[in-house]
């Protein structure tokens, strides 16, 4: 077991699970503060934690509150993240500044990975990962999620790269960075809202046991990169890619016209897509996060069992 970093505050539930070597699943908080409207964001966060517990693992939602990184949150903490205008979107570059100022921060994929690793948590569930933005040849806008995946030994379960991004270039970048990209149960790489992106999966896995075994092999070989595990949205909940493409292009054009960029780009695009789909994309987003939570809990269970037996 890894001793949690002294800067971190853990709930009793999370601390005891880590001490006992029981399965723990990290969850991000940007999806609560900047990814969904209230009150759906709190309902989603609570339901996802309940799903993880029902599967037999312990949820650890990660955020910075009052300048203190936290792994494991109470209901009041979730409400604060969901409603307070003082909660900033915090990636790795922002962590030290927010901590030093005693502020509140909702953690992105990258910063959640970093804090999860400090806590000794190896499995992290999110909606979708960041990547290379469309038109990045002009903006050079590439998410810190990718560089964090290259350096931090945490397995990230998502529904693939957010479809507002350039999925092909993101896969190329992950290959360059040496990050294993595994797709669960299919040869097609998913596109967040859609099950198929038009890109073939780099690597296929068909069971949580296989994913846990791959995680152990990766890190036993001394490689420090994390793993990106893409879990397609359930078929009944997907929005076909051919319909989403036009909606995304419209949102991108409107964002460019408004001069929005940087870390404000993704929250703007996700919010505008909810409007353009009349709420359908929000329902799909919630469904895929829940689906990822089930898989993530099962992976964490098999990984923890293997760590105890040495298998």
Protein backbone atom coordinates (compact mmCIF):
# COMPACT_ATOMS: atom_id res chain seq x y z
CA UNK A 1 0.00 0.00 0.00
CA UNK A 2 1.20 3.54 -0.83
CA UNK A 3 1.14 5.96 2.12
CA UNK A 4 -1.06 8.94 1.19
CA UNK A 5 0.70 12.28 0.86
CA UNK A 6 0.58 14.51 3.98
CA UNK A 7 -1.00 17.33 1.96
CA UNK A 8 -4.07 15.18 1.29
CA UNK A 9 -7.16 14.89 3.47
CA UNK A 10 -8.93 11.55 3.18
CA UNK A 11 -12.35 10.61 4.49
CA UNK A 12 -12.32 7.82 7.04
CA UNK A 13 -13.96 5.49 4.50
CA UNK A 14 -11.26 6.09 1.88
CA UNK A 15 -8.38 5.99 4.37
CA UNK A 16 -9.49 2.67 5.84
CA UNK A 17 -10.01 1.11 2.41
CA UNK A 18 -6.52 2.14 1.28
CA UNK A 19 -5.00 0.88 4.52
CA UNK A 20 -6.73 -2.49 4.10
CA UNK A 21 -5.83 -2.78 0.41
CA UNK A 22 -9.50 -2.72 -0.62
CA UNK A 23 -10.58 -1.38 -4.04
CA UNK A 24 -10.91 2.38 -4.31
CA UNK A 25 -12.09 4.35 -7.37
CA UNK A 26 -11.20 8.01 -7.84
CA UNK A 27 -13.73 10.43 -9.38
CA UNK A 28 -13.11 13.94 -10.74
CA UNK A 29 -14.99 17.05 -9.69
CA UNK A 30 -14.85 19.30 -12.77
CA UNK A 31 -17.79 17.34 -14.17
CA UNK A 32 -19.74 18.50 -11.10
CA UNK A 33 -18.74 22.17 -11.17
CA UNK A 34 -18.26 22.84 -14.87
CA UNK A 35 -19.68 19.87 -16.77
CA UNK A 36 -23.36 19.72 -15.86
CA UNK A 37 -26.09 22.06 -14.62
CA UNK A 38 -27.47 22.01 -11.06
CA UNK A 39 -29.10 19.89 -9.65
CA UNK A 40 -28.29 17.13 -12.17
CA UNK A 41 -24.62 17.46 -11.29
CA UNK A 42 -25.13 16.59 -7.60
CA UNK A 43 -27.61 13.83 -8.43
CA UNK A 44 -25.13 12.33 -10.91
CA UNK A 45 -22.22 12.52 -8.45
CA UNK A 46 -24.24 10.87 -5.69
CA UNK A 47 -25.59 8.13 -7.95
CA UNK A 48 -22.13 7.35 -9.35
CA UNK A 49 -20.74 6.96 -5.84
CA UNK A 50 -23.65 4.64 -5.00
CA UNK A 51 -22.97 2.53 -8.11
CA UNK A 52 -19.32 2.10 -7.11
CA UNK A 53 -20.29 1.06 -3.58
CA UNK A 54 -22.93 -1.37 -4.91
CA UNK A 55 -20.24 -3.04 -7.02
CA UNK A 56 -18.07 -3.54 -3.93
CA UNK A 57 -15.55 -0.69 -4.18
CA UNK A 58 -15.09 2.63 -2.36
CA UNK A 59 -15.60 5.93 -4.24
CA UNK A 60 -13.16 8.80 -3.69
CA UNK A 61 -14.32 12.01 -5.34
CA UNK A 62 -11.35 14.37 -5.54
CA UNK A 63 -11.32 18.18 -5.22
CA UNK A 64 -9.52 21.04 -3.50
CA UNK A 65 -11.58 22.65 -0.74
CA UNK A 66 -10.36 25.52 1.45
CA UNK A 67 -6.89 25.00 0.00
CA UNK A 68 -6.75 21.35 0.95
CA UNK A 69 -6.72 18.50 -1.63
CA UNK A 70 -9.39 15.99 -0.67
CA UNK A 71 -9.99 12.36 -1.61
CA UNK A 72 -13.53 11.50 -0.58
CA UNK A 73 -16.27 14.09 -0.14
CA UNK A 74 -19.39 14.53 1.96
CA UNK A 75 -22.79 15.62 0.58
CA UNK A 76 -22.19 19.21 1.70
CA UNK A 77 -18.91 19.23 -0.21
CA UNK A 78 -20.68 18.09 -3.37
CA UNK A 79 -23.26 20.86 -2.95
CA UNK A 80 -20.50 23.44 -2.57
CA UNK A 81 -18.77 22.22 -5.73
CA UNK A 82 -22.05 22.21 -7.62
CA UNK A 83 -23.26 25.68 -6.64
CA UNK A 84 -20.44 27.98 -5.52
CA UNK A 85 -19.12 30.52 -8.08
CA UNK A 86 -15.82 30.48 -6.18
CA UNK A 87 -14.95 26.96 -7.41
CA UNK A 88 -12.39 27.20 -10.19
CA UNK A 89 -11.48 24.63 -12.82
CA UNK A 90 -8.12 23.32 -11.62
CA UNK A 91 -5.64 21.42 -13.77
CA UNK A 92 -2.14 20.38 -12.67
CA UNK A 93 -0.64 23.80 -13.40
CA UNK A 94 -3.22 25.45 -11.09
CA UNK A 95 -2.99 23.13 -8.06
CA UNK A 96 -0.20 24.87 -6.13
CA UNK A 97 -1.72 28.32 -6.63
CA UNK A 98 -5.19 27.29 -5.46
CA UNK A 99 -3.75 25.46 -2.45
CA UNK A 100 -1.54 28.41 -1.49
CA UNK A 101 -4.50 30.81 -1.67
CA UNK A 102 -6.75 28.51 0.36
CA UNK A 103 -9.25 28.33 -2.48
CA UNK A 104 -11.70 25.82 -3.90
CA UNK A 105 -10.88 23.84 -7.02
CA UNK A 106 -12.76 21.31 -9.15
CA UNK A 107 -10.15 18.91 -10.49
CA UNK A 108 -9.78 18.01 -14.15
CA UNK A 109 -8.72 14.58 -15.43
CA UNK A 110 -5.05 15.60 -15.18
CA UNK A 111 -5.16 16.98 -11.63
CA UNK A 112 -7.43 14.18 -10.42
CA UNK A 113 -4.88 11.67 -11.73
CA UNK A 114 -2.07 13.45 -9.91
CA UNK A 115 -3.92 13.59 -6.59
CA UNK A 116 -5.21 10.02 -6.94
CA UNK A 117 -1.64 8.80 -7.43
CA UNK A 118 -0.53 10.74 -4.33
CA UNK A 119 -3.30 9.00 -2.38
CA UNK A 120 -2.29 5.56 -3.69
CA UNK A 121 -5.40 5.12 -5.85
CA UNK A 122 -4.79 3.34 -9.17
CA UNK A 123 -8.24 3.45 -10.81
CA UNK A 124 -10.05 6.62 -11.87
CA UNK A 125 -13.44 6.96 -13.56
CA UNK A 126 -14.46 9.97 -15.64
CA UNK A 127 -16.77 10.82 -18.56
CA UNK A 128 -14.31 11.58 -21.34
CA UNK A 129 -10.65 12.52 -21.50
CA UNK A 130 -9.22 15.69 -23.01
CA UNK A 131 -6.92 15.66 -25.99
CA UNK A 132 -5.87 17.50 -29.11
CA UNK A 133 -8.41 20.18 -29.96
CA UNK A 134 -9.78 20.57 -33.43
CA UNK A 135 -7.75 23.16 -35.38
CA UNK A 136 -4.86 22.61 -32.96
CA UNK A 137 -2.44 23.32 -35.80
CA UNK A 138 -3.39 26.97 -35.27
CA UNK A 139 -4.14 27.10 -31.56
CA UNK A 140 -1.65 24.51 -30.20
CA UNK A 141 -4.44 23.63 -27.76
CA UNK A 142 -3.62 20.18 -26.38
CA UNK A 143 -5.03 19.01 -23.05
CA UNK A 144 -2.75 18.41 -20.08
CA UNK A 145 -4.66 15.15 -19.65
CA UNK A 146 -2.39 13.59 -22.28
CA UNK A 147 0.90 14.54 -20.66
CA UNK A 148 -0.45 13.42 -17.29
CA UNK A 149 -1.39 10.05 -18.77
CA UNK A 150 2.21 9.77 -19.96
CA UNK A 151 3.67 10.31 -16.50
CA UNK A 152 1.22 9.22 -13.80
CA UNK A 153 0.48 5.51 -13.10
CA UNK A 154 -3.31 5.61 -12.91
CA UNK A 155 -5.80 3.75 -15.11
CA UNK A 156 -8.42 6.16 -16.49
CA UNK A 157 -11.79 4.71 -17.53
CA UNK A 158 -13.74 6.97 -19.89
CA UNK A 159 -16.13 6.80 -22.83
CA UNK A 160 -13.21 7.80 -25.03
CA UNK A 161 -11.88 11.16 -26.11
CA UNK A 162 -14.48 13.93 -25.92
CA UNK A 163 -16.01 14.13 -29.39
CA UNK A 164 -15.58 17.93 -29.47
CA UNK A 165 -11.85 17.17 -29.96
CA UNK A 166 -9.77 15.73 -32.79
CA UNK A 167 -9.90 12.05 -31.91
CA UNK A 168 -7.47 10.89 -34.58
CA UNK A 169 -4.76 13.36 -33.57
CA UNK A 170 -5.34 12.55 -29.90
CA UNK A 171 -4.75 8.84 -30.55
CA UNK A 172 -1.58 9.70 -32.47
CA UNK A 173 -0.36 11.85 -29.57
CA UNK A 174 -1.09 9.11 -27.02
CA UNK A 175 0.91 6.67 -29.15
CA UNK A 176 3.85 9.08 -29.22
CA UNK A 177 3.65 9.45 -25.44
CA UNK A 178 3.67 5.67 -24.95
CA UNK A 179 0.25 5.52 -23.28
CA UNK A 180 -1.60 2.20 -23.68
CA UNK A 181 -5.06 2.85 -25.11
CA UNK A 182 -7.44 -0.06 -24.45
CA UNK A 183 -11.00 -0.30 -25.73
CA UNK A 184 -13.42 -2.47 -23.79
CA UNK A 185 -15.34 -5.09 -25.74
CA UNK A 186 -14.98 -3.62 -29.23
CA UNK A 187 -12.49 -3.05 -32.06
CA UNK A 188 -13.87 0.47 -32.67
CA UNK A 189 -12.66 3.42 -30.65
CA UNK A 190 -15.67 5.25 -29.14
CA UNK A 191 -16.43 8.96 -29.45
CA UNK A 192 -17.94 9.86 -26.07
CA UNK A 193 -21.59 10.45 -27.10
CA UNK A 194 -21.26 7.79 -29.83
CA UNK A 195 -20.05 4.20 -29.81
CA UNK A 196 -18.01 4.55 -32.99
CA UNK A 197 -15.58 7.33 -33.94
CA UNK A 198 -14.37 6.00 -37.27
CA UNK A 199 -11.00 5.07 -35.74
CA UNK A 200 -9.89 1.54 -34.95
CA UNK A 201 -9.02 0.81 -31.36
CA UNK A 202 -5.26 0.50 -30.74
CA UNK A 203 -5.78 -2.38 -28.28
CA UNK A 204 -8.85 -4.42 -27.31
CA UNK A 205 -9.69 -5.93 -23.91
CA UNK A 206 -12.73 -8.03 -23.06
CA UNK A 207 -12.90 -8.30 -19.28
CA UNK A 208 -12.09 -6.33 -16.11
CA UNK A 209 -9.65 -9.12 -15.20
CA UNK A 210 -7.71 -8.56 -18.41
CA UNK A 211 -7.57 -4.82 -17.77
CA UNK A 212 -6.32 -5.34 -14.20
CA UNK A 213 -3.68 -7.77 -15.45
CA UNK A 214 -2.54 -5.22 -18.04
CA UNK A 215 -2.25 -2.55 -15.34
CA UNK A 216 -0.06 -4.82 -13.21
CA UNK A 217 2.16 -5.77 -16.15
CA UNK A 218 2.56 -2.11 -17.17
CA UNK A 219 3.77 -0.97 -13.78
CA UNK A 220 5.73 -4.09 -12.86
CA UNK A 221 7.81 -3.40 -15.97
CA UNK A 222 8.75 -0.06 -14.46
CA UNK A 223 6.70 2.02 -16.91
CA UNK A 224 5.18 5.03 -15.18
CA UNK A 225 2.55 5.95 -17.77
CA UNK A 226 -1.10 5.50 -16.95
CA UNK A 227 -3.59 3.63 -19.11
CA UNK A 228 -6.51 5.04 -21.08
CA UNK A 229 -9.43 2.59 -21.04
CA UNK A 230 -12.25 3.51 -23.43
CA UNK A 231 -15.65 2.07 -22.53
CA UNK A 232 -18.33 2.74 -25.18
CA UNK A 233 -21.56 4.41 -24.08
CA UNK A 234 -24.46 1.89 -23.85
CA UNK A 235 -26.09 1.45 -27.25
CA UNK A 236 -29.51 2.53 -26.02
CA UNK A 237 -28.09 5.84 -24.79
CA UNK A 238 -25.77 6.86 -27.62
CA UNK A 239 -26.21 9.74 -30.04
CA UNK A 240 -25.00 8.59 -33.47
CA UNK A 241 -21.81 10.27 -34.65
CA UNK A 242 -23.32 11.39 -37.94
CA UNK A 243 -25.85 13.50 -36.02
CA UNK A 244 -23.40 14.79 -33.43
CA UNK A 245 -20.84 15.99 -35.99
CA UNK A 246 -23.06 18.79 -37.29
CA UNK A 247 -24.01 19.90 -33.79
CA UNK A 248 -20.38 19.98 -32.67
CA UNK A 249 -19.28 21.96 -35.73
CA UNK A 250 -22.00 24.54 -35.06
CA UNK A 251 -20.91 24.86 -31.41
CA UNK A 252 -17.26 25.20 -32.45
CA UNK A 253 -18.10 27.96 -34.90
CA UNK A 254 -20.12 29.84 -32.30
CA UNK A 255 -17.28 29.48 -29.78
CA UNK A 256 -14.74 30.86 -32.27
CA UNK A 257 -17.03 33.79 -33.07
CA UNK A 258 -17.32 34.53 -29.34
CA UNK A 259 -13.53 34.41 -28.88
CA UNK A 260 -13.70 31.68 -26.22
CA UNK A 261 -10.67 29.43 -25.74
CA UNK A 262 -8.28 27.81 -23.25
CA UNK A 263 -9.79 26.13 -20.22
CA UNK A 264 -13.15 27.84 -20.89
CA UNK A 265 -13.54 26.03 -24.22
CA UNK A 266 -14.69 22.62 -23.02
CA UNK A 267 -17.31 23.87 -20.50
CA UNK A 268 -18.70 26.22 -23.15
CA UNK A 269 -18.90 23.53 -25.81
CA UNK A 270 -20.49 20.93 -23.53
CA UNK A 271 -23.06 23.45 -22.33
CA UNK A 272 -23.88 24.63 -25.84
CA UNK A 273 -24.25 21.05 -27.07
CA UNK A 274 -26.76 20.39 -24.27
CA UNK A 275 -28.76 23.35 -25.57
CA UNK A 276 -28.54 22.30 -29.22
CA UNK A 277 -29.60 18.72 -28.44
CA UNK A 278 -32.38 19.91 -26.10
CA UNK A 279 -30.90 18.00 -23.18
CA UNK A 280 -30.23 14.72 -24.97
CA UNK A 281 -26.45 15.07 -24.70
CA UNK A 282 -26.75 15.62 -20.93
CA UNK A 283 -28.74 12.39 -20.55
CA UNK A 284 -26.11 10.55 -22.61
CA UNK A 285 -23.32 12.09 -20.54
CA UNK A 286 -24.90 10.90 -17.30
CA UNK A 287 -25.51 7.40 -18.71
CA UNK A 288 -21.92 6.97 -19.87
CA UNK A 289 -20.46 8.13 -16.56
CA UNK A 290 -22.58 5.57 -14.71
CA UNK A 291 -21.53 2.89 -17.19
CA UNK A 292 -17.87 3.79 -16.63
CA UNK A 293 -18.36 3.66 -12.86
CA UNK A 294 -19.54 0.04 -13.03
CA UNK A 295 -16.57 -1.01 -15.13
CA UNK A 296 -14.13 1.02 -13.04
CA UNK A 297 -15.32 -0.59 -9.80
CA UNK A 298 -14.92 -4.07 -11.29
CA UNK A 299 -11.43 -3.26 -12.52
CA UNK A 300 -10.47 -1.90 -9.08
CA UNK A 301 -11.75 -5.07 -7.42
CA UNK A 302 -9.66 -7.33 -9.65
CA UNK A 303 -6.61 -5.09 -9.35
CA UNK A 304 -6.84 -5.06 -5.54
CA UNK A 305 -7.31 -8.85 -5.46
CA UNK A 306 -4.24 -9.32 -7.63
CA UNK A 307 -2.18 -7.01 -5.43
CA UNK A 308 -3.04 -9.11 -2.37
CA UNK A 309 -2.25 -12.45 -4.02
CA UNK A 310 0.67 -11.26 -6.13
CA UNK A 311 -1.11 -12.58 -9.25
